[in-house]
Amino acid sequence: MKVGIRIPGAGPWAGPDAITEVAQFAEKVGFDSLWMTDHVALPTKVETPYPYTSDGKFLWAPETPYLDCLTSLTWAAAATEKMELGTSCLILPWRPLVQTSKTLVSIDVLSRGRLTVAIGVGWMKEQFEVLDAPFKDRGRRVTEMVKFMRHMWAEDEVNFTGDFYNLHNFKMYPKPVRGSIPIWFAGYSEASLRRIAAIGDGWHPLAVGPEDYAGYLKTLEEYVEATGRDISEITLTARPLRTAPYNAETIEAYGDLGVT
């Protein structure tokens, strides 16, 4: 099983020296990957329940230093040689589609093909409002955005028609080092699991302990089979947060479920 670590891009240590030190130490001692979380501007009042705590309260104070997710990963890429890099998770519907597609390719090229993008649809309505991004239909928009990115990364000339985006008659180079960039999805709602089954390269749920993971995985396997795909096509990952202790028993329990 591969094991990754989150870089200190948020909180009191957020900064270039801490990211460099953690990234290089993690590479030296044998971690496999580096991950960065995603918030842009933290509202001073959050009424939307936080999905990953029992009381629904968001953990970060609005004045918390929080570096940009993709810029931080670029810094970590430059500080290391072999560490895989990932977003955990990039809130895609906050961002302009074409520019974000370009940024992701740029990180992939500059890191020589080390990037994986785990995507979330977002939960905090207040942050969508701050960023002037529509909260409604964000799941459907994410699905279309991923389809567009894969089209742009694969085709010489971009001509894409969707329900939310119509983009035509342009080219964008370079292309990803491996031909595409692996796209994982967070979430465990019915809509999220169906999205993973249909277009996901991986499943990256947050705050799901091994026992609950097993139940969601069974549902995901049913959805995957219904699409004609095989569950082996989907990379299974876990980020337990506070739902399970970080120890050998937890790792073994996830491994028994197929987490790699």
C-alpha atoms as a PDB file:
ATOM      1  CA  MET A   1       0.000   0.000   0.000  1.00  0.00           C
ATOM      2  CA  LYS A   2       1.211   3.503  -0.836  1.00  0.00           C
ATOM      3  CA  VAL A   3       1.140   6.087   1.945  1.00  0.00           C
ATOM      4  CA  GLY A   4       1.021   9.834   1.426  1.00  0.00           C
ATOM      5  CA  ILE A   5       1.343  12.897   3.634  1.00  0.00           C
ATOM      6  CA  ARG A   6      -0.279  16.328   3.571  1.00  0.00           C
ATOM      7  CA  ILE A   7       2.090  19.247   3.067  1.00  0.00           C
ATOM      8  CA  PRO A   8       1.876  22.194   5.508  1.00  0.00           C
ATOM      9  CA  GLY A   9       0.198  24.617   3.137  1.00  0.00           C
ATOM     10  CA  ALA A  10      -2.407  25.663   5.691  1.00  0.00           C
ATOM     11  CA  GLY A  11      -2.148  26.700   9.309  1.00  0.00           C
ATOM     12  CA  PRO A  12       0.594  28.455  11.308  1.00  0.00           C
ATOM     13  CA  TRP A  13       3.457  26.718   9.474  1.00  0.00           C
ATOM     14  CA  ALA A  14       2.184  27.443   5.967  1.00  0.00           C
ATOM     15  CA  GLY A  15       5.122  28.718   3.967  1.00  0.00           C
ATOM     16  CA  PRO A  16       7.979  27.794   1.627  1.00  0.00           C
ATOM     17  CA  ASP A  17      10.444  26.505   4.220  1.00  0.00           C
ATOM     18  CA  ALA A  18       7.964  24.186   5.942  1.00  0.00           C
ATOM     19  CA  ILE A  19       6.679  22.760   2.659  1.00  0.00           C
ATOM     20  CA  THR A  20      10.223  22.138   1.434  1.00  0.00           C
ATOM     21  CA  GLU A  21      11.341  20.542   4.695  1.00  0.00           C
ATOM     22  CA  VAL A  22       8.314  18.264   5.008  1.00  0.00           C
ATOM     23  CA  ALA A  23       8.343  17.280   1.331  1.00  0.00           C
ATOM     24  CA  GLN A  24      12.035  16.410   1.280  1.00  0.00           C
ATOM     25  CA  PHE A  25      11.925  14.569   4.603  1.00  0.00           C
ATOM     26  CA  ALA A  26       8.877  12.571   3.458  1.00  0.00           C
ATOM     27  CA  GLU A  27      10.707  11.587   0.289  1.00  0.00           C
ATOM     28  CA  LYS A  28      13.823  10.616   2.247  1.00  0.00           C
ATOM     29  CA  VAL A  29      12.028   8.328   4.724  1.00  0.00           C
ATOM     30  CA  GLY A  30       9.892   6.578   2.113  1.00  0.00           C
ATOM     31  CA  PHE A  31       6.484   8.199   1.841  1.00  0.00           C
ATOM     32  CA  ASP A  32       4.998   7.859  -1.627  1.00  0.00           C
ATOM     33  CA  SER A  33       3.043  11.063  -2.184  1.00  0.00           C
ATOM     34  CA  LEU A  34       2.388  14.661  -1.133  1.00  0.00           C
ATOM     35  CA  TRP A  35      -1.104  16.160  -0.884  1.00  0.00           C
ATOM     36  CA  MET A  36      -2.601  19.612  -0.490  1.00  0.00           C
ATOM     37  CA  THR A  37      -6.085  20.620   0.589  1.00  0.00           C
ATOM     38  CA  ASP A  38      -8.124  23.432  -0.940  1.00  0.00           C
ATOM     39  CA  HIS A  39      -9.721  26.586   0.412  1.00  0.00           C
ATOM     40  CA  VAL A  40      -9.486  30.018  -1.179  1.00  0.00           C
ATOM     41  CA  ALA A  41     -11.214  32.582   1.055  1.00  0.00           C
ATOM     42  CA  LEU A  42     -12.710  31.571   4.393  1.00  0.00           C
ATOM     43  CA  PRO A  43     -16.024  33.246   5.269  1.00  0.00           C
ATOM     44  CA  THR A  44     -16.335  34.868   8.689  1.00  0.00           C
ATOM     45  CA  LYS A  45     -19.685  33.154   9.215  1.00  0.00           C
ATOM     46  CA  VAL A  46     -20.369  29.573   8.110  1.00  0.00           C
ATOM     47  CA  GLU A  47     -23.851  28.165   8.580  1.00  0.00           C
ATOM     48  CA  THR A  48     -23.476  25.233   6.186  1.00  0.00           C
ATOM     49  CA  PRO A  49     -22.854  22.092   8.312  1.00  0.00           C
ATOM     50  CA  TYR A  50     -19.330  20.738   7.952  1.00  0.00           C
ATOM     51  CA  PRO A  51     -19.685  17.106   6.805  1.00  0.00           C
ATOM     52  CA  TYR A  52     -16.557  15.789   8.528  1.00  0.00           C
ATOM     53  CA  THR A  53     -17.197  16.561  12.214  1.00  0.00           C
ATOM     54  CA  SER A  54     -19.871  15.188  14.510  1.00  0.00           C
ATOM     55  CA  ASP A  55     -21.079  18.654  15.506  1.00  0.00           C
ATOM     56  CA  GLY A  56     -21.007  20.082  11.975  1.00  0.00           C
ATOM     57  CA  LYS A  57     -18.619  22.889  12.911  1.00  0.00           C
ATOM     58  CA  PHE A  58     -15.913  23.938  10.457  1.00  0.00           C
ATOM     59  CA  LEU A  59     -12.420  23.618  11.951  1.00  0.00           C
ATOM     60  CA  TRP A  60     -10.516  26.501  10.336  1.00  0.00           C
ATOM     61  CA  ALA A  61     -10.742  30.073  11.645  1.00  0.00           C
ATOM     62  CA  PRO A  62     -11.222  32.621   8.831  1.00  0.00           C
ATOM     63  CA  GLU A  63      -7.852  34.272   9.557  1.00  0.00           C
ATOM     64  CA  THR A  64      -5.960  30.974   9.133  1.00  0.00           C
ATOM     65  CA  PRO A  65      -3.106  31.236   6.597  1.00  0.00           C
ATOM     66  CA  TYR A  66      -4.148  29.018   3.689  1.00  0.00           C
ATOM     67  CA  LEU A  67      -1.909  28.843   0.620  1.00  0.00           C
ATOM     68  CA  ASP A  68      -3.296  28.110  -2.809  1.00  0.00           C
ATOM     69  CA  CYS A  69      -3.597  24.381  -3.420  1.00  0.00           C
ATOM     70  CA  LEU A  70      -2.053  24.202  -6.891  1.00  0.00           C
ATOM     71  CA  THR A  71       0.705  26.744  -6.263  1.00  0.00           C
ATOM     72  CA  SER A  72       1.729  24.838  -3.131  1.00  0.00           C
ATOM     73  CA  LEU A  73       1.933  21.568  -5.050  1.00  0.00           C
ATOM     74  CA  THR A  74       4.119  23.254  -7.664  1.00  0.00           C
ATOM     75  CA  TRP A  75       6.507  24.304  -4.895  1.00  0.00           C
ATOM     76  CA  ALA A  76       6.510  20.774  -3.471  1.00  0.00           C
ATOM     77  CA  ALA A  77       7.181  19.345  -6.919  1.00  0.00           C
ATOM     78  CA  ALA A  78      10.257  21.528  -7.306  1.00  0.00           C
ATOM     79  CA  ALA A  79      11.538  20.416  -3.891  1.00  0.00           C
ATOM     80  CA  THR A  80      11.343  16.683  -4.688  1.00  0.00           C
ATOM     81  CA  GLU A  81      12.292  14.263  -7.429  1.00  0.00           C
ATOM     82  CA  LYS A  82      10.020  11.227  -7.267  1.00  0.00           C
ATOM     83  CA  MET A  83       7.156  11.983  -4.888  1.00  0.00           C
ATOM     84  CA  GLU A  84       3.722  11.702  -6.424  1.00  0.00           C
ATOM     85  CA  LEU A  85       1.613  14.836  -6.019  1.00  0.00           C
ATOM     86  CA  GLY A  86      -2.106  15.175  -5.436  1.00  0.00           C
ATOM     87  CA  THR A  87      -4.975  17.464  -4.541  1.00  0.00           C
ATOM     88  CA  SER A  88      -7.094  16.365  -1.591  1.00  0.00           C
ATOM     89  CA  CYS A  89      -9.410  17.681  -2.761  1.00  0.00           C
ATOM     90  CA  LEU A  90      -9.523  20.351  -5.461  1.00  0.00           C
ATOM     91  CA  ILE A  91     -12.917  22.074  -5.415  1.00  0.00           C
ATOM     92  CA  LEU A  92     -13.243  22.261  -9.161  1.00  0.00           C
ATOM     93  CA  PRO A  93     -16.495  24.269  -9.517  1.00  0.00           C
ATOM     94  CA  TRP A  94     -14.833  27.276  -7.834  1.00  0.00           C
ATOM     95  CA  ARG A  95     -12.472  27.661 -10.771  1.00  0.00           C
ATOM     96  CA  PRO A  96     -12.417  28.822 -14.414  1.00  0.00           C
ATOM     97  CA  LEU A  97     -12.405  25.717 -16.573  1.00  0.00           C
ATOM     98  CA  VAL A  98      -9.863  26.416 -19.314  1.00  0.00           C
ATOM     99  CA  GLN A  99      -7.364  28.152 -17.025  1.00  0.00           C
ATOM    100  CA  THR A 100      -7.552  25.334 -14.471  1.00  0.00           C
ATOM    101  CA  SER A 101      -7.086  22.708 -17.178  1.00  0.00           C
ATOM    102  CA  LYS A 102      -3.956  24.549 -18.276  1.00  0.00           C
ATOM    103  CA  THR A 103      -2.624  24.885 -14.732  1.00  0.00           C
ATOM    104  CA  LEU A 104      -3.041  21.175 -14.035  1.00  0.00           C
ATOM    105  CA  VAL A 105      -1.188  20.241 -17.217  1.00  0.00           C
ATOM    106  CA  SER A 106       1.571  22.694 -16.343  1.00  0.00           C
ATOM    107  CA  ILE A 107       2.071  21.103 -12.916  1.00  0.00           C
ATOM    108  CA  ASP A 108       2.061  17.651 -14.500  1.00  0.00           C
ATOM    109  CA  VAL A 109       4.676  18.644 -17.078  1.00  0.00           C
ATOM    110  CA  LEU A 110       6.883  20.499 -14.589  1.00  0.00           C
ATOM    111  CA  SER A 111       6.770  17.521 -12.207  1.00  0.00           C
ATOM    112  CA  ARG A 112       7.461  15.085 -15.065  1.00  0.00           C
ATOM    113  CA  GLY A 113       4.110  13.337 -14.789  1.00  0.00           C
ATOM    114  CA  ARG A 114       3.643  13.042 -11.027  1.00  0.00           C
ATOM    115  CA  LEU A 115       0.216  14.697 -10.604  1.00  0.00           C
ATOM    116  CA  THR A 116      -3.099  13.126  -9.567  1.00  0.00           C
ATOM    117  CA  VAL A 117      -6.190  15.308  -9.153  1.00  0.00           C
ATOM    118  CA  ALA A 118      -8.723  14.299  -6.514  1.00  0.00           C
ATOM    119  CA  ILE A 119     -11.819  16.452  -6.987  1.00  0.00           C
ATOM    120  CA  GLY A 120     -14.582  17.504  -4.642  1.00  0.00           C
ATOM    121  CA  VAL A 121     -17.795  19.263  -5.603  1.00  0.00           C
ATOM    122  CA  GLY A 122     -17.660  21.442  -2.476  1.00  0.00           C
ATOM    123  CA  TRP A 123     -19.906  21.715   0.549  1.00  0.00           C
ATOM    124  CA  MET A 124     -19.571  25.278   1.909  1.00  0.00           C
ATOM    125  CA  LYS A 125     -22.216  27.416   0.226  1.00  0.00           C
ATOM    126  CA  GLU A 126     -20.762  30.573   1.767  1.00  0.00           C
ATOM    127  CA  GLN A 127     -17.402  30.072   0.048  1.00  0.00           C
ATOM    128  CA  PHE A 128     -19.121  29.605  -3.305  1.00  0.00           C
ATOM    129  CA  GLU A 129     -20.796  32.973  -2.721  1.00  0.00           C
ATOM    130  CA  VAL A 130     -17.475  34.650  -1.874  1.00  0.00           C
ATOM    131  CA  LEU A 131     -15.972  33.279  -5.092  1.00  0.00           C
ATOM    132  CA  ASP A 132     -19.038  34.187  -7.173  1.00  0.00           C
ATOM    133  CA  ALA A 133     -19.412  30.544  -8.212  1.00  0.00           C
ATOM    134  CA  PRO A 134     -22.831  28.873  -8.595  1.00  0.00           C
ATOM    135  CA  PHE A 135     -23.635  26.379  -5.849  1.00  0.00           C
ATOM    136  CA  LYS A 136     -26.595  24.867  -7.671  1.00  0.00           C
ATOM    137  CA  ASP A 137     -25.858  22.029 -10.114  1.00  0.00           C
ATOM    138  CA  ARG A 138     -22.223  21.914  -8.991  1.00  0.00           C
ATOM    139  CA  GLY A 139     -22.148  18.118  -9.261  1.00  0.00           C
ATOM    140  CA  ARG A 140     -23.351  18.129 -12.856  1.00  0.00           C
ATOM    141  CA  ARG A 141     -20.938  20.915 -13.689  1.00  0.00           C
ATOM    142  CA  VAL A 142     -18.019  18.977 -12.214  1.00  0.00           C
ATOM    143  CA  THR A 143     -18.883  15.971 -14.365  1.00  0.00           C
ATOM    144  CA  GLU A 144     -18.914  18.158 -17.468  1.00  0.00           C
ATOM    145  CA  MET A 145     -15.719  19.956 -16.473  1.00  0.00           C
ATOM    146  CA  VAL A 146     -13.863  16.650 -16.172  1.00  0.00           C
ATOM    147  CA  LYS A 147     -15.159  15.521 -19.552  1.00  0.00           C
ATOM    148  CA  PHE A 148     -13.928  18.788 -21.054  1.00  0.00           C
ATOM    149  CA  MET A 149     -10.487  18.527 -19.452  1.00  0.00           C
ATOM    150  CA  ARG A 150      -9.991  15.039 -20.795  1.00  0.00           C
ATOM    151  CA  HIS A 151     -11.106  16.219 -24.226  1.00  0.00           C
ATOM    152  CA  MET A 152      -8.698  19.168 -24.126  1.00  0.00           C
ATOM    153  CA  TRP A 153      -5.818  17.031 -22.922  1.00  0.00           C
ATOM    154  CA  ALA A 154      -6.378  14.394 -25.629  1.00  0.00           C
ATOM    155  CA  GLU A 155      -7.354  16.321 -28.755  1.00  0.00           C
ATOM    156  CA  ASP A 156      -5.307  18.531 -31.056  1.00  0.00           C
ATOM    157  CA  GLU A 157      -8.139  21.051 -31.548  1.00  0.00           C
ATOM    158  CA  VAL A 158     -10.715  21.659 -28.855  1.00  0.00           C
ATOM    159  CA  ASN A 159     -14.382  21.536 -29.861  1.00  0.00           C
ATOM    160  CA  PHE A 160     -16.622  20.802 -26.909  1.00  0.00           C
ATOM    161  CA  THR A 161     -20.374  21.218 -26.515  1.00  0.00           C
ATOM    162  CA  GLY A 162     -22.066  20.622 -23.170  1.00  0.00           C
ATOM    163  CA  ASP A 163     -24.916  21.814 -20.999  1.00  0.00           C
ATOM    164  CA  PHE A 164     -22.753  24.359 -19.167  1.00  0.00           C
ATOM    165  CA  TYR A 165     -19.747  24.889 -21.433  1.00  0.00           C
ATOM    166  CA  ASN A 166     -19.430  25.432 -25.174  1.00  0.00           C
ATOM    167  CA  LEU A 167     -15.813  25.882 -26.174  1.00  0.00           C
ATOM    168  CA  HIS A 168     -14.556  25.647 -29.724  1.00  0.00           C
ATOM    169  CA  ASN A 169     -11.774  26.303 -32.205  1.00  0.00           C
ATOM    170  CA  PHE A 170      -8.632  26.519 -30.118  1.00  0.00           C
ATOM    171  CA  LYS A 171      -5.608  24.427 -29.267  1.00  0.00           C
ATOM    172  CA  MET A 172      -3.758  24.109 -25.996  1.00  0.00           C
ATOM    173  CA  TYR A 173      -0.331  22.565 -25.568  1.00  0.00           C
ATOM    174  CA  PRO A 174       1.556  20.857 -24.015  1.00  0.00           C
ATOM    175  CA  LYS A 175      -0.395  17.732 -23.207  1.00  0.00           C
ATOM    176  CA  PRO A 176      -0.061  15.701 -19.987  1.00  0.00           C
ATOM    177  CA  VAL A 177       3.081  13.600 -19.717  1.00  0.00           C
ATOM    178  CA  ARG A 178       1.121  10.308 -19.517  1.00  0.00           C
ATOM    179  CA  GLY A 179      -1.499  11.341 -22.070  1.00  0.00           C
ATOM    180  CA  SER A 180      -3.949  12.302 -19.339  1.00  0.00           C
ATOM    181  CA  ILE A 181      -3.971  13.057 -15.614  1.00  0.00           C
ATOM    182  CA  PRO A 182      -5.629  10.601 -13.200  1.00  0.00           C
ATOM    183  CA  ILE A 183      -8.915  12.000 -11.888  1.00  0.00           C
ATOM    184  CA  TRP A 184     -10.222  10.768  -8.551  1.00  0.00           C
ATOM    185  CA  PHE A 185     -13.402  11.897  -6.837  1.00  0.00           C
ATOM    186  CA  ALA A 186     -14.216  12.468  -3.196  1.00  0.00           C
ATOM    187  CA  GLY A 187     -17.605  11.817  -1.665  1.00  0.00           C
ATOM    188  CA  TYR A 188     -19.839   8.901  -0.813  1.00  0.00           C
ATOM    189  CA  SER A 189     -23.325  10.175  -1.604  1.00  0.00           C
ATOM    190  CA  GLU A 190     -25.294   8.325  -4.249  1.00  0.00           C
ATOM    191  CA  ALA A 191     -24.517  11.052  -6.783  1.00  0.00           C
ATOM    192  CA  SER A 192     -20.808  10.939  -5.946  1.00  0.00           C
ATOM    193  CA  LEU A 193     -20.565   7.163  -6.196  1.00  0.00           C
ATOM    194  CA  ARG A 194     -22.419   7.157  -9.510  1.00  0.00           C
ATOM    195  CA  ARG A 195     -20.033   9.827 -10.824  1.00  0.00           C
ATOM    196  CA  ILE A 196     -17.033   7.745  -9.792  1.00  0.00           C
ATOM    197  CA  ALA A 197     -18.515   4.652 -11.412  1.00  0.00           C
ATOM    198  CA  ALA A 198     -19.129   6.500 -14.663  1.00  0.00           C
ATOM    199  CA  ILE A 199     -15.986   8.598 -15.159  1.00  0.00           C
ATOM    200  CA  GLY A 200     -13.646   8.235 -12.180  1.00  0.00           C
ATOM    201  CA  ASP A 201     -10.116   6.880 -12.201  1.00  0.00           C
ATOM    202  CA  GLY A 202     -10.197   6.642  -8.423  1.00  0.00           C
ATOM    203  CA  TRP A 203     -12.227   7.046  -5.237  1.00  0.00           C
ATOM    204  CA  HIS A 204     -10.837   9.358  -2.554  1.00  0.00           C
ATOM    205  CA  PRO A 205     -13.352   9.583   0.317  1.00  0.00           C
ATOM    206  CA  LEU A 206     -12.618  11.768   3.325  1.00  0.00           C
ATOM    207  CA  ALA A 207     -13.456  10.832   6.903  1.00  0.00           C
ATOM    208  CA  VAL A 208     -14.700   7.306   6.179  1.00  0.00           C
ATOM    209  CA  GLY A 209     -13.429   4.619   8.554  1.00  0.00           C
ATOM    210  CA  PRO A 210     -12.916   1.023   7.394  1.00  0.00           C
ATOM    211  CA  GLU A 211     -16.322  -0.233   8.567  1.00  0.00           C
ATOM    212  CA  ASP A 212     -18.307   2.435   6.719  1.00  0.00           C
ATOM    213  CA  TYR A 213     -15.904   2.211   3.782  1.00  0.00           C
ATOM    214  CA  ALA A 214     -16.919  -1.411   3.241  1.00  0.00           C
ATOM    215  CA  GLY A 215     -20.586  -0.475   2.903  1.00  0.00           C
ATOM    216  CA  TYR A 216     -19.971   2.376   0.480  1.00  0.00           C
ATOM    217  CA  LEU A 217     -17.592   0.198  -1.531  1.00  0.00           C
ATOM    218  CA  LYS A 218     -20.277  -2.430  -2.002  1.00  0.00           C
ATOM    219  CA  THR A 219     -22.596   0.216  -3.438  1.00  0.00           C
ATOM    220  CA  LEU A 220     -19.821   1.569  -5.650  1.00  0.00           C
ATOM    221  CA  GLU A 221     -19.120  -1.911  -7.000  1.00  0.00           C
ATOM    222  CA  GLU A 222     -22.795  -2.250  -7.967  1.00  0.00           C
ATOM    223  CA  TYR A 223     -22.752   1.094  -9.773  1.00  0.00           C
ATOM    224  CA  VAL A 224     -19.481   0.263 -11.533  1.00  0.00           C
ATOM    225  CA  GLU A 225     -20.851  -3.065 -12.747  1.00  0.00           C
ATOM    226  CA  ALA A 226     -23.954  -1.306 -14.083  1.00  0.00           C
ATOM    227  CA  THR A 227     -21.762   0.933 -16.262  1.00  0.00           C
ATOM    228  CA  GLY A 228     -19.954  -2.043 -17.790  1.00  0.00           C
ATOM    229  CA  ARG A 229     -16.694  -1.211 -16.054  1.00  0.00           C
ATOM    230  CA  ASP A 230     -14.774  -3.304 -13.525  1.00  0.00           C
ATOM    231  CA  ILE A 231     -13.940  -2.103 -10.018  1.00  0.00           C
ATOM    232  CA  SER A 232     -10.282  -2.918 -10.729  1.00  0.00           C
ATOM    233  CA  GLU A 233     -10.262   0.100 -13.072  1.00  0.00           C
ATOM    234  CA  ILE A 234     -10.785   2.409 -10.085  1.00  0.00           C
ATOM    235  CA  THR A 235      -7.989   3.192  -7.640  1.00  0.00           C
ATOM    236  CA  LEU A 236      -9.291   2.851  -4.085  1.00  0.00           C
ATOM    237  CA  THR A 237      -7.825   5.275  -1.546  1.00  0.00           C
ATOM    238  CA  ALA A 238      -8.651   6.501   1.952  1.00  0.00           C
ATOM    239  CA  ARG A 239      -8.107   9.622   4.025  1.00  0.00           C
ATOM    240  CA  PRO A 240      -9.659   8.707   7.392  1.00  0.00           C
ATOM    241  CA  LEU A 241      -9.178  12.056   9.191  1.00  0.00           C
ATOM    242  CA  ARG A 242     -10.683  11.541  12.675  1.00  0.00           C
ATOM    243  CA  THR A 243     -12.700   8.395  11.876  1.00  0.00           C
ATOM    244  CA  ALA A 244      -9.906   5.877  12.539  1.00  0.00           C
ATOM    245  CA  PRO A 245      -6.503   5.881  14.278  1.00  0.00           C
ATOM    246  CA  TYR A 246      -3.433   6.165  12.070  1.00  0.00           C
ATOM    247  CA  ASN A 247      -1.897   2.797  12.924  1.00  0.00           C
ATOM    248  CA  ALA A 248      -1.035  -0.583  11.427  1.00  0.00           C
ATOM    249  CA  GLU A 249      -4.445  -2.059  12.232  1.00  0.00           C
ATOM    250  CA  THR A 250      -6.257   0.680  10.325  1.00  0.00           C
ATOM    251  CA  ILE A 251      -3.937   0.337   7.348  1.00  0.00           C
ATOM    252  CA  GLU A 252      -4.471  -3.435   7.331  1.00  0.00           C
ATOM    253  CA  ALA A 253      -8.255  -2.981   7.496  1.00  0.00           C
ATOM    254  CA  TYR A 254      -8.210  -0.639   4.510  1.00  0.00           C
ATOM    255  CA  GLY A 255      -5.867  -2.984   2.661  1.00  0.00           C
ATOM    256  CA  ASP A 256      -8.287  -5.869   3.144  1.00  0.00           C
ATOM    257  CA  LEU A 257     -10.907  -3.745   1.348  1.00  0.00           C
ATOM    258  CA  GLY A 258      -8.640  -3.180  -1.644  1.00  0.00           C
ATOM    259  CA  VAL A 259      -7.229   0.230  -0.759  1.00  0.00           C
ATOM    260  CA  THR A 260      -3.877   0.639  -2.459  1.00  0.00           C
END
